[in-house]
Amino acid sequence: MPELPEVETVVQDLRKSGIEGLHFQSAQAFWPKTIETSSPQVFDQQIKNRQIQAISRRAKFIVFELAPTGWLLVHLRMTGRLDLFSKDSPLDAHVRIRSTLSDGRELRFTDIRKFGRWYFYENEPPQFSTLGPEPLSTAFTPNVLAQKLSHSKRQIKPLLLDQTTVSGLGNIYVDEALWQAQIHPVTASNQLNDQSIACLHKAIIDVLKKGIRNSGTTLGKTALNYYSVGKRRGENQEALQVFRKTGLPCPRCGSVIERLIVSQRSSHVCLQCQKPPKS
């Protein structure tokens, strides 16, 4: 599933495409369940003639702020992808939504596994009230992270994957951050000391910024893998330290990287650098 760096890359590419300021003229859904908040017919009427005022990101949501009012959210989930086409371009078999813009181009949503979702709200989306702090904002401080961790006895990895703790993190970047901070993924979150929390805070920011600089992580070459607008591949897979590096030497100490299952999720660790908790 695309995580914060991948979604941020898509947002940046959409901005560069020049669609901010354009109007939606229509929307056609080929897979009705993709639209979470209404029927395809109602959705078409809701966004028609609304202007794309700004495109941004909140957690893993792509956010279209519309004018005079309205919010359109897109969640890519596993295989969702946004792209721009001329109106006479042939339709891919996996296009789930086709929306026509006022300059004649079409914004198309391709989603092989059909898990992606679109949402329209007249007012601020309700999802925003439940999300944790944005890790690249000034509001995300070591103290804020410490408060989130001190109130829970959960293992640190599943807690970080919980979007109410910190927004936008997923399996790739949590593994990378925990390795950088030298924290084992099953460590109880309320057992981390101030130094470990400060290291984790820095590591989260470091790995996310690196992911954005590298346009996200594309782990394979099939249509199931992440691509940004224009089918642009990410390059961060070349900079990963432990994620999917099972059996390879740890870049820091040379020990073999191992794969564990933590809360039903694959986790990649160096047991020399990331000591398991004693209890």
Protein backbone atom coordinates (compact mmCIF):
# COMPACT_ATOMS: atom_id res chain seq x y z
CA MET A 1 0.00 0.00 0.00
CA PRO A 2 1.40 3.43 -0.86
CA GLU A 3 2.58 5.24 2.26
CA LEU A 4 3.25 8.90 3.01
CA PRO A 5 6.21 9.37 0.59
CA GLU A 6 4.37 7.68 -2.28
CA VAL A 7 1.18 9.68 -1.74
CA GLU A 8 3.16 12.91 -1.36
CA THR A 9 4.92 12.16 -4.66
CA VAL A 10 1.57 11.70 -6.41
CA VAL A 11 0.36 15.01 -4.95
CA GLN A 12 3.48 16.82 -6.14
CA ASP A 13 3.11 15.32 -9.61
CA LEU A 14 -0.55 16.33 -9.80
CA ARG A 15 0.36 19.89 -8.87
CA LYS A 16 3.04 19.96 -11.58
CA SER A 17 0.48 18.74 -14.13
CA GLY A 18 -1.37 22.06 -13.88
CA ILE A 19 -4.81 20.76 -12.92
CA GLU A 20 -5.15 23.12 -9.96
CA GLY A 21 -7.55 25.81 -11.09
CA LEU A 22 -9.42 23.52 -13.49
CA HIS A 23 -13.04 22.42 -13.01
CA PHE A 24 -14.52 18.93 -12.90
CA GLN A 25 -17.04 18.57 -15.69
CA SER A 26 -18.18 15.01 -15.07
CA ALA A 27 -17.30 11.75 -13.37
CA GLN A 28 -18.07 8.24 -14.58
CA ALA A 29 -17.60 5.25 -12.28
CA PHE A 30 -17.02 1.85 -13.84
CA TRP A 31 -16.78 0.20 -10.40
CA PRO A 32 -19.46 1.85 -8.22
CA LYS A 33 -17.97 0.66 -4.92
CA THR A 34 -14.95 2.86 -5.53
CA ILE A 35 -17.15 5.81 -4.52
CA GLU A 36 -17.63 5.39 -0.79
CA THR A 37 -19.98 8.27 0.00
CA SER A 38 -22.74 8.08 -2.63
CA SER A 39 -23.95 6.47 -5.80
CA PRO A 40 -22.00 7.22 -9.00
CA GLN A 41 -24.89 9.35 -10.28
CA VAL A 42 -24.99 11.49 -7.15
CA PHE A 43 -21.20 11.77 -7.09
CA ASP A 44 -21.17 13.04 -10.67
CA GLN A 45 -23.59 15.82 -9.73
CA GLN A 46 -21.69 16.63 -6.54
CA ILE A 47 -18.35 17.40 -8.19
CA LYS A 48 -19.63 18.80 -11.50
CA ASN A 49 -18.48 22.39 -12.12
CA ARG A 50 -16.45 22.53 -8.90
CA GLN A 51 -12.98 23.96 -9.21
CA ILE A 52 -9.84 22.20 -8.01
CA GLN A 53 -8.60 24.94 -5.73
CA ALA A 54 -5.69 23.04 -4.16
CA ILE A 55 -4.24 19.53 -4.00
CA SER A 56 -2.61 18.34 -0.80
CA ARG A 57 -2.07 15.28 1.36
CA ARG A 58 -3.40 14.27 4.77
CA ALA A 59 -1.96 10.98 6.06
CA LYS A 60 -2.41 8.60 3.09
CA PHE A 61 -5.27 10.59 1.55
CA ILE A 62 -4.90 12.70 -1.58
CA VAL A 63 -6.98 15.80 -0.84
CA PHE A 64 -8.66 17.96 -3.48
CA GLU A 65 -9.99 21.17 -1.96
CA LEU A 66 -12.83 22.33 -4.18
CA ALA A 67 -14.43 25.72 -4.79
CA PRO A 68 -16.79 27.23 -3.95
CA THR A 69 -17.05 24.39 -1.40
CA GLY A 70 -16.35 20.70 -1.07
CA TRP A 71 -13.60 18.17 -0.46
CA LEU A 72 -12.66 15.20 -2.60
CA LEU A 73 -10.51 12.54 -0.95
CA VAL A 74 -8.76 9.71 -2.79
CA HIS A 75 -7.24 6.74 -0.98
CA LEU A 76 -5.08 4.58 -3.24
CA ARG A 77 -5.09 1.53 -0.95
CA MET A 78 -3.19 -1.41 -2.49
CA THR A 79 -3.10 -0.76 -6.25
CA GLY A 80 -4.85 2.55 -6.91
CA ARG A 81 -3.20 4.97 -9.33
CA LEU A 82 -4.15 8.41 -10.66
CA ASP A 83 -3.12 9.50 -14.12
CA LEU A 84 -3.99 12.11 -16.74
CA PHE A 85 -5.00 11.28 -20.30
CA SER A 86 -6.37 12.98 -23.37
CA LYS A 87 -10.07 12.22 -23.74
CA ASP A 88 -9.54 10.06 -26.84
CA SER A 89 -6.94 7.80 -25.16
CA PRO A 90 -8.10 4.17 -24.93
CA LEU A 91 -9.42 3.07 -21.57
CA ASP A 92 -7.43 0.55 -19.57
CA ALA A 93 -9.48 -2.45 -18.44
CA HIS A 94 -8.82 -1.55 -14.80
CA VAL A 95 -10.00 2.08 -14.89
CA ARG A 96 -12.55 2.47 -12.08
CA ILE A 97 -13.31 6.20 -12.37
CA ARG A 98 -12.94 8.60 -15.27
CA SER A 99 -13.39 12.31 -14.53
CA THR A 100 -13.36 14.95 -17.25
CA LEU A 101 -11.59 18.26 -16.58
CA SER A 102 -12.28 21.67 -18.07
CA ASP A 103 -9.14 21.64 -20.23
CA GLY A 104 -10.28 18.46 -21.98
CA ARG A 105 -8.01 16.05 -20.14
CA GLU A 106 -9.30 13.15 -18.07
CA LEU A 107 -8.19 12.24 -14.57
CA ARG A 108 -8.46 8.46 -14.41
CA PHE A 109 -8.27 6.16 -11.43
CA THR A 110 -6.88 2.71 -12.20
CA ASP A 111 -7.14 0.06 -9.51
CA ILE A 112 -6.51 -3.60 -10.28
CA ARG A 113 -7.60 -4.93 -6.87
CA LYS A 114 -10.54 -2.54 -6.47
CA PHE A 115 -9.68 -1.54 -2.88
CA GLY A 116 -9.15 2.17 -3.56
CA ARG A 117 -11.83 4.63 -2.50
CA TRP A 118 -13.07 8.13 -3.41
CA TYR A 119 -15.01 10.31 -0.95
CA PHE A 120 -16.88 13.59 -1.40
CA TYR A 121 -17.77 15.86 1.52
CA GLU A 122 -19.38 19.27 1.51
CA ASN A 123 -17.53 20.16 4.72
CA GLU A 124 -14.19 19.12 6.22
CA PRO A 125 -13.83 15.32 5.97
CA PRO A 126 -14.60 13.42 9.20
CA GLN A 127 -11.46 11.30 8.76
CA PHE A 128 -9.31 14.29 9.63
CA SER A 129 -10.52 14.37 13.25
CA THR A 130 -9.25 10.85 14.01
CA LEU A 131 -5.83 11.01 12.37
CA GLY A 132 -2.63 11.43 14.34
CA PRO A 133 -0.12 14.24 13.79
CA GLU A 134 1.59 14.69 10.45
CA PRO A 135 5.18 13.48 11.02
CA LEU A 136 6.69 16.14 8.76
CA SER A 137 4.86 19.03 10.41
CA THR A 138 6.19 21.27 13.17
CA ALA A 139 3.43 19.90 15.41
CA PHE A 140 5.18 16.53 15.49
CA THR A 141 7.76 16.88 18.25
CA PRO A 142 9.57 14.33 20.44
CA ASN A 143 7.22 15.32 23.28
CA VAL A 144 4.14 14.67 21.17
CA LEU A 145 5.49 11.27 20.19
CA ALA A 146 6.37 10.51 23.81
CA GLN A 147 2.82 11.30 24.90
CA LYS A 148 1.40 9.00 22.25
CA LEU A 149 3.70 6.15 23.30
CA SER A 150 3.42 6.57 27.07
CA HIS A 151 -0.34 5.96 27.05
CA SER A 152 -0.07 2.53 25.44
CA LYS A 153 1.40 -0.86 26.27
CA ARG A 154 1.15 -2.02 22.67
CA GLN A 155 4.15 -3.21 20.72
CA ILE A 156 5.83 -0.28 19.04
CA LYS A 157 5.43 -1.46 15.45
CA PRO A 158 1.64 -1.95 15.38
CA LEU A 159 1.24 1.26 17.36
CA LEU A 160 3.16 3.22 14.74
CA LEU A 161 1.09 1.61 11.98
CA ASP A 162 -2.06 2.88 13.72
CA GLN A 163 -2.99 6.08 11.87
CA THR A 164 -4.29 7.65 15.07
CA THR A 165 -0.75 7.59 16.49
CA VAL A 166 1.20 9.11 13.59
CA SER A 167 -0.30 9.76 10.16
CA GLY A 168 0.99 8.20 6.97
CA LEU A 169 3.33 5.48 8.24
CA GLY A 170 3.18 1.99 6.80
CA ASN A 171 5.15 -1.25 6.85
CA ILE A 172 8.12 -0.04 4.79
CA TYR A 173 8.93 3.14 6.64
CA VAL A 174 8.19 1.78 10.11
CA ASP A 175 10.70 -1.03 9.55
CA GLU A 176 13.26 1.48 8.28
CA ALA A 177 12.69 3.91 11.17
CA LEU A 178 12.87 1.22 13.84
CA TRP A 179 16.13 -0.05 12.37
CA GLN A 180 17.62 3.44 12.31
CA ALA A 181 16.53 4.03 15.93
CA GLN A 182 17.76 0.54 16.95
CA ILE A 183 14.39 -0.46 18.42
CA HIS A 184 12.98 -3.97 18.15
CA PRO A 185 9.44 -3.95 16.71
CA VAL A 186 7.87 -5.87 19.62
CA THR A 187 9.16 -3.50 22.29
CA ALA A 188 6.33 -2.19 24.47
CA SER A 189 5.81 1.44 23.53
CA ASN A 190 5.58 2.67 27.12
CA GLN A 191 8.96 1.10 27.93
CA LEU A 192 10.96 3.37 25.61
CA ASN A 193 13.10 5.94 27.38
CA ASP A 194 13.49 9.57 26.34
CA GLN A 195 16.65 8.89 24.35
CA SER A 196 15.04 6.08 22.36
CA ILE A 197 11.97 8.22 21.65
CA ALA A 198 14.16 11.09 20.44
CA CYS A 199 16.02 8.68 18.15
CA LEU A 200 12.75 7.25 16.85
CA HIS A 201 11.33 10.71 16.24
CA LYS A 202 14.37 11.65 14.18
CA ALA A 203 14.35 8.33 12.34
CA ILE A 204 10.70 8.68 11.31
CA ILE A 205 11.38 12.10 9.83
CA ASP A 206 14.62 10.96 8.17
CA VAL A 207 13.18 7.92 6.39
CA LEU A 208 10.08 9.79 5.21
CA LYS A 209 12.09 12.71 3.82
CA LYS A 210 14.43 10.28 2.07
CA GLY A 211 11.43 8.46 0.61
CA ILE A 212 10.03 11.71 -0.77
CA ARG A 213 13.39 12.77 -2.21
CA ASN A 214 13.48 9.42 -4.01
CA SER A 215 9.88 9.72 -5.30
CA GLY A 216 8.67 6.84 -3.17
CA THR A 217 9.34 3.10 -3.15
CA THR A 218 8.45 0.84 -6.09
CA LEU A 219 9.19 -2.73 -5.04
CA GLY A 220 8.49 -4.50 -8.32
CA LYS A 221 7.83 -3.94 -12.02
CA THR A 222 4.25 -5.18 -12.39
CA ALA A 223 1.09 -3.06 -12.57
CA LEU A 224 0.38 -4.08 -8.96
CA ASN A 225 3.28 -1.99 -7.72
CA TYR A 226 3.34 1.71 -6.92
CA TYR A 227 3.74 4.20 -9.77
CA SER A 228 3.17 7.93 -9.62
CA VAL A 229 1.53 10.11 -12.28
CA GLY A 230 2.86 9.35 -15.75
CA LYS A 231 3.78 5.83 -14.61
CA ARG A 232 6.82 7.24 -12.86
CA ARG A 233 8.60 4.67 -10.72
CA GLY A 234 9.96 5.45 -7.30
CA GLU A 235 13.66 5.04 -6.58
CA ASN A 236 13.69 4.63 -2.81
CA GLN A 237 13.91 0.82 -3.04
CA GLU A 238 17.60 1.35 -3.78
CA ALA A 239 18.02 3.22 -0.46
CA LEU A 240 16.21 0.80 1.86
CA GLN A 241 18.33 -0.54 4.71
CA VAL A 242 16.36 -3.55 5.98
CA PHE A 243 12.93 -3.77 4.38
CA ARG A 244 12.82 -6.94 2.23
CA LYS A 245 16.55 -7.44 2.80
CA THR A 246 16.16 -10.81 4.52
CA GLY A 247 19.43 -12.76 4.56
CA LEU A 248 21.57 -9.78 3.59
CA PRO A 249 24.09 -8.15 5.94
CA CYS A 250 22.98 -5.27 8.10
CA PRO A 251 24.44 -2.03 6.69
CA ARG A 252 25.44 -0.98 10.19
CA CYS A 253 26.92 -4.07 11.86
CA GLY A 254 27.07 -6.79 9.21
CA SER A 255 24.76 -9.24 11.01
CA VAL A 256 22.17 -11.07 8.94
CA ILE A 257 18.83 -9.30 8.54
CA GLU A 258 15.92 -11.48 9.61
CA ARG A 259 12.22 -11.49 8.80
CA LEU A 260 9.74 -11.72 11.68
CA ILE A 261 5.97 -11.64 11.88
CA VAL A 262 4.72 -8.91 14.22
CA SER A 263 0.96 -8.50 14.56
CA GLN A 264 0.50 -10.45 11.33
CA ARG A 265 2.81 -8.13 9.40
CA SER A 266 6.22 -8.92 7.97
CA SER A 267 8.99 -7.13 9.86
CA HIS A 268 12.64 -6.90 8.87
CA VAL A 269 15.18 -6.49 11.64
CA CYS A 270 18.80 -6.80 12.63
CA LEU A 271 18.73 -8.65 15.94
CA GLN A 272 22.20 -7.40 16.76
CA CYS A 273 21.26 -3.72 16.37
CA GLN A 274 17.66 -4.11 17.49
CA LYS A 275 17.85 -6.11 20.69
CA PRO A 276 14.61 -7.94 21.59
CA PRO A 277 13.03 -6.86 24.89
CA LYS A 278 14.02 -9.05 27.84
CA SER A 279 10.46 -9.80 28.86
